[in-house]
Amino acid sequence: MADNNSAQPAIKWRVVMTNYPHERLEGTPDYWDYHEIKVLGEYATKEEAVEAAKKKMLQMGQFQGWADDVDDEDGYFHGGPPYSTADDPDGALCEDEHTTLSLQKIEVKKKSAAENK
């Protein structure tokens, strides 16, 4: 009898950091070509990924002073990812690039017992 559970993919979550140019740089030579994507980690649950994204956001200077108020239950921090420096109401214009921390849901195919042999 076939193992029905082996065909079900496992769900994991990634925290992804994306850097891209500020809109005011549109028209510069490399504007459309530049973006940087980095996987910061993979997590078994969405809750773990959200906590990791929050922790990373708190470590980054671009978010300090406007997005890092952990005591404001209605604030940006508690809204959960994605977090983006483009949302900064006052300081976004002082950066040449934006940084976004987001979650990515991934499905990992489980190996069947036959594949493990």
Protein backbone atom coordinates (compact mmCIF):
# COMPACT_ATOMS: atom_id res chain seq x y z
CA MET A 1 0.00 0.00 0.00
CA ALA A 2 1.32 3.43 -0.92
CA ASP A 3 2.22 5.95 1.76
CA ASN A 4 -0.21 8.83 1.12
CA ASN A 5 1.71 11.19 3.40
CA SER A 6 4.88 10.90 1.32
CA ALA A 7 3.27 12.74 -1.60
CA GLN A 8 2.27 15.72 0.56
CA PRO A 9 4.81 18.55 0.43
CA ALA A 10 6.19 19.97 3.64
CA ILE A 11 5.61 23.69 4.07
CA LYS A 12 8.49 25.88 5.14
CA TRP A 13 8.93 29.64 5.32
CA ARG A 14 11.83 31.83 4.25
CA VAL A 15 12.76 35.29 5.40
CA VAL A 16 13.98 37.21 2.36
CA MET A 17 15.73 40.59 2.25
CA THR A 18 15.45 42.56 -0.99
CA ASN A 19 17.40 45.74 -1.72
CA TYR A 20 16.36 47.91 -4.65
CA PRO A 21 16.98 51.51 -5.76
CA HIS A 22 14.91 54.39 -4.47
CA GLU A 23 12.31 55.62 -6.97
CA ARG A 24 14.04 58.99 -7.20
CA LEU A 25 16.96 57.26 -8.94
CA GLU A 26 14.75 56.11 -11.81
CA GLY A 27 16.41 56.99 -15.08
CA THR A 28 19.94 56.35 -13.85
CA PRO A 29 21.95 53.82 -15.88
CA ASP A 30 21.52 50.74 -13.67
CA TYR A 31 18.13 51.52 -12.12
CA TRP A 32 16.20 48.67 -13.75
CA ASP A 33 19.03 46.16 -13.43
CA TYR A 34 19.84 46.54 -9.76
CA HIS A 35 18.19 44.56 -7.05
CA GLU A 36 19.67 42.21 -4.52
CA ILE A 37 17.81 39.31 -2.97
CA LYS A 38 19.18 37.39 -0.01
CA VAL A 39 17.58 34.50 1.88
CA LEU A 40 18.17 35.16 5.57
CA GLY A 41 16.85 31.83 6.81
CA GLU A 42 14.34 29.02 6.48
CA TYR A 43 11.87 28.14 9.22
CA ALA A 44 9.48 25.29 9.95
CA THR A 45 6.55 27.54 10.80
CA LYS A 46 5.24 30.91 9.72
CA GLU A 47 5.36 32.10 13.33
CA GLU A 48 9.10 31.34 13.53
CA ALA A 49 9.69 33.20 10.27
CA VAL A 50 7.71 36.23 11.47
CA GLU A 51 9.76 36.36 14.69
CA ALA A 52 13.01 36.10 12.70
CA ALA A 53 11.92 38.94 10.39
CA LYS A 54 11.01 41.11 13.40
CA LYS A 55 14.36 40.40 15.03
CA LYS A 56 16.25 41.29 11.83
CA MET A 57 14.21 44.48 11.39
CA LEU A 58 15.07 45.57 14.93
CA GLN A 59 18.79 45.07 14.15
CA MET A 60 18.74 47.26 11.06
CA GLY A 61 19.44 50.98 11.39
CA GLN A 62 17.07 51.88 8.54
CA PHE A 63 14.08 50.92 10.72
CA GLN A 64 15.19 52.55 13.97
CA GLY A 65 13.15 55.41 15.32
CA TRP A 66 10.01 54.84 13.27
CA ALA A 67 9.29 51.11 12.89
CA ASP A 68 10.84 49.58 15.97
CA ASP A 69 8.37 50.57 18.71
CA VAL A 70 7.70 47.14 20.23
CA ASP A 71 5.41 48.65 22.89
CA ASP A 72 2.92 50.17 20.41
CA GLU A 73 0.55 47.26 19.84
CA ASP A 74 -1.00 48.98 16.81
CA GLY A 75 2.34 50.06 15.38
CA TYR A 76 4.33 49.02 12.33
CA PHE A 77 6.37 46.40 14.21
CA HIS A 78 3.33 44.37 15.24
CA GLY A 79 1.80 44.46 11.78
CA GLY A 80 4.24 41.77 10.70
CA PRO A 81 6.18 41.40 7.48
CA PRO A 82 6.68 42.65 4.91
CA TYR A 83 8.72 45.43 6.45
CA SER A 84 10.02 48.04 4.01
CA THR A 85 12.08 51.18 4.40
CA ALA A 86 9.85 52.62 1.66
CA ASP A 87 7.16 52.88 4.37
CA ASP A 88 9.24 55.31 6.45
CA PRO A 89 7.11 58.47 6.54
CA ASP A 90 10.06 60.82 7.16
CA GLY A 91 13.38 59.35 6.15
CA ALA A 92 12.87 57.33 3.00
CA LEU A 93 14.31 60.09 0.83
CA CYS A 94 17.68 60.02 2.56
CA GLU A 95 18.46 56.49 1.35
CA ASP A 96 19.62 55.56 -2.15
CA GLU A 97 17.95 52.19 -1.85
CA HIS A 98 15.04 50.55 -0.11
CA THR A 99 15.21 47.36 1.90
CA THR A 100 12.28 45.01 2.31
CA LEU A 101 12.05 42.04 4.65
CA SER A 102 9.38 39.61 3.53
CA LEU A 103 8.23 36.03 3.97
CA GLN A 104 8.19 33.43 1.25
CA LYS A 105 6.16 30.24 1.56
CA ILE A 106 7.97 27.25 0.07
CA GLU A 107 6.90 23.67 -0.44
CA VAL A 108 9.49 20.97 0.02
CA LYS A 109 8.65 17.60 -1.45
CA LYS A 110 9.06 14.86 1.08
CA LYS A 111 10.97 11.83 -0.11
CA SER A 112 9.03 8.61 -0.19
CA ALA A 113 10.36 5.51 1.51
CA ALA A 114 11.36 4.15 -1.90
CA GLU A 115 13.41 7.31 -2.67
CA ASN A 116 15.29 7.01 0.62
CA LYS A 117 16.57 3.51 -0.24
